[in-house]
Amino acid sequence: MLEHEYTLLGGVSRLKIGRYLALISAAVSGFIVFLLLSSVDLAQRLGIAASIPPSVLSFVGAGTVFTALSWILNRYAWRWKFINSLLQIPDLAGSWSCTGTTMATSSNQSFDWSGEIVIIQTWDKIRVRLKTATSASNSRSAALIKDEADGWRLFYNYRNEPNIDQSDLSAHRGFSEILFDPDLRGGSGEYFNGHGRYTFGKMSLERR
């Protein structure tokens, strides 16, 4: 699993969300326990022998409910329109068509390239994978920053591995910054390579 945590600046603090989840979990757990005990009490009044093993009550405890709610939020609920508007996290997951231009330097010629960016994202983890005809890269760390003037910016560093038949290319590390359009249908950015390939350029994205 190559997904990694990412920093969120400008959205709602994950620590604050954790506190809210804890309060909600305690309330939900208490309500479930109340319903169970009320059901047993009603059954006994009707002359039905009923009881609840302690293990059942522990199973619906606040800790279990918190774990379940956290998993649902992390995998699914953060994308739901109402919750997403509260969390203020852009949903970038999916496939993006990418075109780029590597700028000319004293040691490199300018050239155009194209590829596909796949972003895998949950509430607390992300992975940015770029695949071109000659190489592939995966993000190692990332940050999302809400720009009140322009939209969401994604910063990430990556490691690039050339295809086995590209003997003239070297593995390298780099850094990229992408500014996404407000509707999250496209974006533009820049990249800077080092530690093996000293190039830089610009790129544009369009959601597929």
C-alpha atoms as a PDB file:
ATOM      1  CA  MET A   1       0.000   0.000   0.000  1.00  0.00           C
ATOM      2  CA  LEU A   2       1.655   3.226  -1.177  1.00  0.00           C
ATOM      3  CA  GLU A   3      -0.920   5.704   0.105  1.00  0.00           C
ATOM      4  CA  HIS A   4       0.481   8.106   2.693  1.00  0.00           C
ATOM      5  CA  GLU A   5      -0.832  10.761   5.058  1.00  0.00           C
ATOM      6  CA  TYR A   6      -1.153  14.311   3.809  1.00  0.00           C
ATOM      7  CA  THR A   7      -1.241  17.670   5.513  1.00  0.00           C
ATOM      8  CA  LEU A   8      -4.409  19.744   5.207  1.00  0.00           C
ATOM      9  CA  LEU A   9      -4.142  23.503   5.568  1.00  0.00           C
ATOM     10  CA  GLY A  10      -7.260  25.621   5.292  1.00  0.00           C
ATOM     11  CA  GLY A  11      -9.747  22.843   5.972  1.00  0.00           C
ATOM     12  CA  VAL A  12     -11.196  21.673   9.268  1.00  0.00           C
ATOM     13  CA  SER A  13      -8.623  20.252  11.682  1.00  0.00           C
ATOM     14  CA  ARG A  14      -8.631  16.454  11.830  1.00  0.00           C
ATOM     15  CA  LEU A  15      -8.102  16.731  15.585  1.00  0.00           C
ATOM     16  CA  LYS A  16     -11.333  18.702  15.864  1.00  0.00           C
ATOM     17  CA  ILE A  17     -13.151  16.133  13.748  1.00  0.00           C
ATOM     18  CA  GLY A  18     -11.819  13.404  16.033  1.00  0.00           C
ATOM     19  CA  ARG A  19     -13.321  15.176  19.026  1.00  0.00           C
ATOM     20  CA  TYR A  20     -16.676  15.462  17.294  1.00  0.00           C
ATOM     21  CA  LEU A  21     -16.544  11.771  16.380  1.00  0.00           C
ATOM     22  CA  ALA A  22     -15.842  10.878  19.995  1.00  0.00           C
ATOM     23  CA  LEU A  23     -18.876  12.842  21.179  1.00  0.00           C
ATOM     24  CA  ILE A  24     -21.107  11.375  18.486  1.00  0.00           C
ATOM     25  CA  SER A  25     -19.838   7.866  19.249  1.00  0.00           C
ATOM     26  CA  ALA A  26     -20.632   8.252  22.954  1.00  0.00           C
ATOM     27  CA  ALA A  27     -24.149   9.472  22.131  1.00  0.00           C
ATOM     28  CA  VAL A  28     -24.797   6.711  19.576  1.00  0.00           C
ATOM     29  CA  SER A  29     -23.428   4.043  21.908  1.00  0.00           C
ATOM     30  CA  GLY A  30     -25.580   5.278  24.781  1.00  0.00           C
ATOM     31  CA  PHE A  31     -28.662   5.279  22.566  1.00  0.00           C
ATOM     32  CA  ILE A  32     -28.024   1.717  21.359  1.00  0.00           C
ATOM     33  CA  VAL A  33     -27.487   0.475  24.911  1.00  0.00           C
ATOM     34  CA  PHE A  34     -30.699   2.233  25.986  1.00  0.00           C
ATOM     35  CA  LEU A  35     -32.649   0.528  23.190  1.00  0.00           C
ATOM     36  CA  LEU A  36     -31.224  -2.874  24.074  1.00  0.00           C
ATOM     37  CA  LEU A  37     -31.967  -2.539  27.771  1.00  0.00           C
ATOM     38  CA  SER A  38     -35.445  -1.182  27.043  1.00  0.00           C
ATOM     39  CA  SER A  39     -36.123  -4.171  24.789  1.00  0.00           C
ATOM     40  CA  VAL A  40     -35.075  -6.581  27.536  1.00  0.00           C
ATOM     41  CA  ASP A  41     -37.214  -4.755  30.079  1.00  0.00           C
ATOM     42  CA  LEU A  42     -40.225  -4.883  27.764  1.00  0.00           C
ATOM     43  CA  ALA A  43     -39.697  -8.603  27.110  1.00  0.00           C
ATOM     44  CA  GLN A  44     -39.550  -9.343  30.828  1.00  0.00           C
ATOM     45  CA  ARG A  45     -42.770  -7.430  31.413  1.00  0.00           C
ATOM     46  CA  LEU A  46     -44.406  -9.620  28.786  1.00  0.00           C
ATOM     47  CA  GLY A  47     -43.179 -12.698  30.605  1.00  0.00           C
ATOM     48  CA  ILE A  48     -40.424 -13.493  28.151  1.00  0.00           C
ATOM     49  CA  ALA A  49     -37.125 -14.533  29.666  1.00  0.00           C
ATOM     50  CA  ALA A  50     -34.515 -12.282  28.121  1.00  0.00           C
ATOM     51  CA  SER A  51     -31.105 -10.968  29.021  1.00  0.00           C
ATOM     52  CA  ILE A  52     -28.153  -9.322  27.332  1.00  0.00           C
ATOM     53  CA  PRO A  53     -24.669 -10.806  27.813  1.00  0.00           C
ATOM     54  CA  PRO A  54     -22.076  -8.253  28.929  1.00  0.00           C
ATOM     55  CA  SER A  55     -20.108  -9.016  25.754  1.00  0.00           C
ATOM     56  CA  VAL A  56     -22.949  -7.606  23.650  1.00  0.00           C
ATOM     57  CA  LEU A  57     -22.990  -4.370  25.617  1.00  0.00           C
ATOM     58  CA  SER A  58     -19.228  -4.047  25.273  1.00  0.00           C
ATOM     59  CA  PHE A  59     -19.528  -4.644  21.533  1.00  0.00           C
ATOM     60  CA  VAL A  60     -21.725  -1.565  21.157  1.00  0.00           C
ATOM     61  CA  GLY A  61     -19.484   0.519  23.404  1.00  0.00           C
ATOM     62  CA  ALA A  62     -18.251   3.974  22.415  1.00  0.00           C
ATOM     63  CA  GLY A  63     -14.878   2.591  21.286  1.00  0.00           C
ATOM     64  CA  THR A  64     -16.461   0.209  18.803  1.00  0.00           C
ATOM     65  CA  VAL A  65     -18.822   2.855  17.493  1.00  0.00           C
ATOM     66  CA  PHE A  66     -15.944   5.324  17.152  1.00  0.00           C
ATOM     67  CA  THR A  67     -13.926   2.799  15.137  1.00  0.00           C
ATOM     68  CA  ALA A  68     -16.855   2.105  12.829  1.00  0.00           C
ATOM     69  CA  LEU A  69     -17.689   5.781  12.296  1.00  0.00           C
ATOM     70  CA  SER A  70     -14.029   6.634  11.659  1.00  0.00           C
ATOM     71  CA  TRP A  71     -13.766   3.915   9.017  1.00  0.00           C
ATOM     72  CA  ILE A  72     -16.970   5.047   7.302  1.00  0.00           C
ATOM     73  CA  LEU A  73     -15.829   8.675   7.354  1.00  0.00           C
ATOM     74  CA  ASN A  74     -12.366   7.862   6.048  1.00  0.00           C
ATOM     75  CA  ARG A  75     -13.532   5.628   3.196  1.00  0.00           C
ATOM     76  CA  TYR A  76     -16.887   7.032   2.142  1.00  0.00           C
ATOM     77  CA  ALA A  77     -18.613   9.755   4.160  1.00  0.00           C
ATOM     78  CA  TRP A  78     -16.019  12.471   3.549  1.00  0.00           C
ATOM     79  CA  ARG A  79     -17.080  12.477  -0.115  1.00  0.00           C
ATOM     80  CA  TRP A  80     -20.789  13.003   0.643  1.00  0.00           C
ATOM     81  CA  LYS A  81     -21.757  16.500  -0.423  1.00  0.00           C
ATOM     82  CA  PHE A  82     -22.977  17.792   2.944  1.00  0.00           C
ATOM     83  CA  ILE A  83     -20.137  16.299   4.995  1.00  0.00           C
ATOM     84  CA  ASN A  84     -17.550  17.308   2.408  1.00  0.00           C
ATOM     85  CA  SER A  85     -18.730  20.912   2.600  1.00  0.00           C
ATOM     86  CA  LEU A  86     -18.194  20.812   6.366  1.00  0.00           C
ATOM     87  CA  LEU A  87     -14.781  19.153   6.215  1.00  0.00           C
ATOM     88  CA  GLN A  88     -13.586  21.416   3.370  1.00  0.00           C
ATOM     89  CA  ILE A  89     -11.476  18.777   1.646  1.00  0.00           C
ATOM     90  CA  PRO A  90     -11.362  18.696  -2.169  1.00  0.00           C
ATOM     91  CA  ASP A  91     -12.122  15.318  -3.731  1.00  0.00           C
ATOM     92  CA  LEU A  92      -9.265  14.887  -6.202  1.00  0.00           C
ATOM     93  CA  ALA A  93      -9.535  11.115  -6.535  1.00  0.00           C
ATOM     94  CA  GLY A  94      -9.708   9.728 -10.049  1.00  0.00           C
ATOM     95  CA  SER A  95      -7.892   9.767 -13.351  1.00  0.00           C
ATOM     96  CA  TRP A  96      -6.498  12.941 -14.922  1.00  0.00           C
ATOM     97  CA  SER A  97      -5.103  13.477 -18.413  1.00  0.00           C
ATOM     98  CA  CYS A  98      -1.797  15.301 -18.131  1.00  0.00           C
ATOM     99  CA  THR A  99       0.278  17.192 -20.707  1.00  0.00           C
ATOM    100  CA  GLY A 100       3.551  18.867 -19.887  1.00  0.00           C
ATOM    101  CA  THR A 101       6.554  20.707 -21.222  1.00  0.00           C
ATOM    102  CA  THR A 102      10.075  20.323 -19.905  1.00  0.00           C
ATOM    103  CA  MET A 103      11.878  23.646 -20.213  1.00  0.00           C
ATOM    104  CA  ALA A 104      15.169  24.018 -22.045  1.00  0.00           C
ATOM    105  CA  THR A 105      18.359  24.546 -20.050  1.00  0.00           C
ATOM    106  CA  SER A 106      22.046  24.658 -20.926  1.00  0.00           C
ATOM    107  CA  SER A 107      22.201  20.873 -20.606  1.00  0.00           C
ATOM    108  CA  ASN A 108      18.674  19.827 -21.695  1.00  0.00           C
ATOM    109  CA  GLN A 109      16.459  20.522 -24.671  1.00  0.00           C
ATOM    110  CA  SER A 110      12.812  21.494 -24.333  1.00  0.00           C
ATOM    111  CA  PHE A 111      10.298  18.749 -25.097  1.00  0.00           C
ATOM    112  CA  ASP A 112       6.611  18.018 -24.671  1.00  0.00           C
ATOM    113  CA  TRP A 113       5.229  14.938 -22.980  1.00  0.00           C
ATOM    114  CA  SER A 114       1.877  13.471 -21.958  1.00  0.00           C
ATOM    115  CA  GLY A 115       0.660  10.943 -19.442  1.00  0.00           C
ATOM    116  CA  GLU A 116      -1.981  10.002 -16.926  1.00  0.00           C
ATOM    117  CA  ILE A 117      -2.184  11.013 -13.278  1.00  0.00           C
ATOM    118  CA  VAL A 118      -4.151   8.759 -10.959  1.00  0.00           C
ATOM    119  CA  ILE A 119      -4.968  10.180  -7.525  1.00  0.00           C
ATOM    120  CA  ILE A 120      -6.040   7.767  -4.815  1.00  0.00           C
ATOM    121  CA  GLN A 121      -7.504   9.652  -1.874  1.00  0.00           C
ATOM    122  CA  THR A 122      -9.293   9.048   1.403  1.00  0.00           C
ATOM    123  CA  TRP A 123      -9.970  11.439   4.255  1.00  0.00           C
ATOM    124  CA  ASP A 124      -6.501  10.995   5.738  1.00  0.00           C
ATOM    125  CA  LYS A 125      -4.353   9.472   2.966  1.00  0.00           C
ATOM    126  CA  ILE A 126      -3.445  10.182  -0.622  1.00  0.00           C
ATOM    127  CA  ARG A 127      -1.263   8.885  -3.458  1.00  0.00           C
ATOM    128  CA  VAL A 128      -0.411  10.706  -6.679  1.00  0.00           C
ATOM    129  CA  ARG A 129       0.827   8.442  -9.476  1.00  0.00           C
ATOM    130  CA  LEU A 130       2.015   9.802 -12.818  1.00  0.00           C
ATOM    131  CA  LYS A 131       2.510   7.351 -15.711  1.00  0.00           C
ATOM    132  CA  THR A 132       4.074   8.379 -19.020  1.00  0.00           C
ATOM    133  CA  ALA A 133       5.413   6.441 -21.978  1.00  0.00           C
ATOM    134  CA  THR A 134       8.908   6.377 -20.473  1.00  0.00           C
ATOM    135  CA  SER A 135       8.536   6.339 -16.691  1.00  0.00           C
ATOM    136  CA  ALA A 136       6.269   6.353 -13.652  1.00  0.00           C
ATOM    137  CA  SER A 137       6.361   8.239 -10.385  1.00  0.00           C
ATOM    138  CA  ASN A 138       4.631   7.979  -7.006  1.00  0.00           C
ATOM    139  CA  SER A 139       4.234  10.644  -4.370  1.00  0.00           C
ATOM    140  CA  ARG A 140       6.013  10.229  -1.039  1.00  0.00           C
ATOM    141  CA  SER A 141       4.487  13.105   0.923  1.00  0.00           C
ATOM    142  CA  ALA A 142       1.848  15.733   0.158  1.00  0.00           C
ATOM    143  CA  ALA A 143      -0.017  18.762   1.417  1.00  0.00           C
ATOM    144  CA  LEU A 144      -3.298  20.381   0.387  1.00  0.00           C
ATOM    145  CA  ILE A 145      -3.620  24.108   0.914  1.00  0.00           C
ATOM    146  CA  LYS A 146      -6.784  26.130   0.445  1.00  0.00           C
ATOM    147  CA  ASP A 147      -6.027  29.306  -1.479  1.00  0.00           C
ATOM    148  CA  GLU A 148      -8.893  31.709  -0.862  1.00  0.00           C
ATOM    149  CA  ALA A 149      -8.111  33.578  -4.079  1.00  0.00           C
ATOM    150  CA  ASP A 150      -7.426  30.755  -6.538  1.00  0.00           C
ATOM    151  CA  GLY A 151      -8.642  27.430  -5.132  1.00  0.00           C
ATOM    152  CA  TRP A 152      -6.877  24.329  -3.862  1.00  0.00           C
ATOM    153  CA  ARG A 153      -3.152  23.764  -4.243  1.00  0.00           C
ATOM    154  CA  LEU A 154      -1.578  20.320  -4.050  1.00  0.00           C
ATOM    155  CA  PHE A 155       2.090  20.128  -3.131  1.00  0.00           C
ATOM    156  CA  TYR A 156       3.881  16.787  -3.247  1.00  0.00           C
ATOM    157  CA  ASN A 157       7.301  15.283  -3.647  1.00  0.00           C
ATOM    158  CA  TYR A 158       7.785  12.088  -5.619  1.00  0.00           C
ATOM    159  CA  ARG A 159      10.217   9.457  -6.810  1.00  0.00           C
ATOM    160  CA  ASN A 160      10.365   8.686 -10.512  1.00  0.00           C
ATOM    161  CA  GLU A 161      11.440   5.336 -11.965  1.00  0.00           C
ATOM    162  CA  PRO A 162      12.143   5.063 -15.735  1.00  0.00           C
ATOM    163  CA  ASN A 163      10.953   2.066 -17.709  1.00  0.00           C
ATOM    164  CA  ILE A 164      13.492  -0.721 -18.082  1.00  0.00           C
ATOM    165  CA  ASP A 165      13.974   0.053 -21.790  1.00  0.00           C
ATOM    166  CA  GLN A 166      14.884   3.703 -21.078  1.00  0.00           C
ATOM    167  CA  SER A 167      18.589   3.267 -20.412  1.00  0.00           C
ATOM    168  CA  ASP A 168      19.327   6.949 -21.025  1.00  0.00           C
ATOM    169  CA  LEU A 169      17.016   8.039 -18.180  1.00  0.00           C
ATOM    170  CA  SER A 170      17.868   8.012 -14.485  1.00  0.00           C
ATOM    171  CA  ALA A 171      15.674   7.518 -11.442  1.00  0.00           C
ATOM    172  CA  HIS A 172      15.216  10.797  -9.648  1.00  0.00           C
ATOM    173  CA  ARG A 173      13.265  12.706  -7.051  1.00  0.00           C
ATOM    174  CA  GLY A 174      11.193  15.778  -7.614  1.00  0.00           C
ATOM    175  CA  PHE A 175       8.640  18.232  -6.334  1.00  0.00           C
ATOM    176  CA  SER A 176       5.384  19.378  -7.910  1.00  0.00           C
ATOM    177  CA  GLU A 177       2.801  22.072  -7.241  1.00  0.00           C
ATOM    178  CA  ILE A 178      -0.649  21.904  -8.858  1.00  0.00           C
ATOM    179  CA  LEU A 179      -3.381  24.529  -8.670  1.00  0.00           C
ATOM    180  CA  PHE A 180      -6.815  23.012  -9.300  1.00  0.00           C
ATOM    181  CA  ASP A 181      -9.699  24.915 -10.855  1.00  0.00           C
ATOM    182  CA  PRO A 182     -12.560  25.754  -8.442  1.00  0.00           C
ATOM    183  CA  ASP A 183     -14.787  23.102 -10.076  1.00  0.00           C
ATOM    184  CA  LEU A 184     -12.012  20.484  -9.701  1.00  0.00           C
ATOM    185  CA  ARG A 185     -12.242  19.580 -13.393  1.00  0.00           C
ATOM    186  CA  GLY A 186      -8.783  20.754 -14.369  1.00  0.00           C
ATOM    187  CA  GLY A 187      -5.597  22.290 -13.093  1.00  0.00           C
ATOM    188  CA  SER A 188      -2.130  23.541 -13.929  1.00  0.00           C
ATOM    189  CA  GLY A 189       1.181  23.204 -12.217  1.00  0.00           C
ATOM    190  CA  GLU A 190       4.946  23.115 -12.202  1.00  0.00           C
ATOM    191  CA  TYR A 191       7.543  20.502 -11.343  1.00  0.00           C
ATOM    192  CA  PHE A 192      11.205  20.513 -10.395  1.00  0.00           C
ATOM    193  CA  ASN A 193      13.468  17.467 -10.596  1.00  0.00           C
ATOM    194  CA  GLY A 194      16.739  16.699  -8.862  1.00  0.00           C
ATOM    195  CA  HIS A 195      18.786  13.876  -7.337  1.00  0.00           C
ATOM    196  CA  GLY A 196      19.317  12.193 -10.694  1.00  0.00           C
ATOM    197  CA  ARG A 197      17.685  14.396 -13.344  1.00  0.00           C
ATOM    198  CA  TYR A 198      17.968  18.164 -13.161  1.00  0.00           C
ATOM    199  CA  THR A 199      14.989  19.411 -15.151  1.00  0.00           C
ATOM    200  CA  PHE A 200      11.899  21.504 -14.552  1.00  0.00           C
ATOM    201  CA  GLY A 201       8.726  22.329 -16.426  1.00  0.00           C
ATOM    202  CA  LYS A 202       5.006  22.973 -16.417  1.00  0.00           C
ATOM    203  CA  MET A 203       1.962  20.766 -16.860  1.00  0.00           C
ATOM    204  CA  SER A 204      -1.816  20.928 -17.187  1.00  0.00           C
ATOM    205  CA  LEU A 205      -4.449  18.462 -15.995  1.00  0.00           C
ATOM    206  CA  GLU A 206      -7.966  17.594 -17.098  1.00  0.00           C
ATOM    207  CA  ARG A 207     -10.193  15.208 -15.208  1.00  0.00           C
ATOM    208  CA  ARG A 208     -11.289  12.201 -17.255  1.00  0.00           C
END
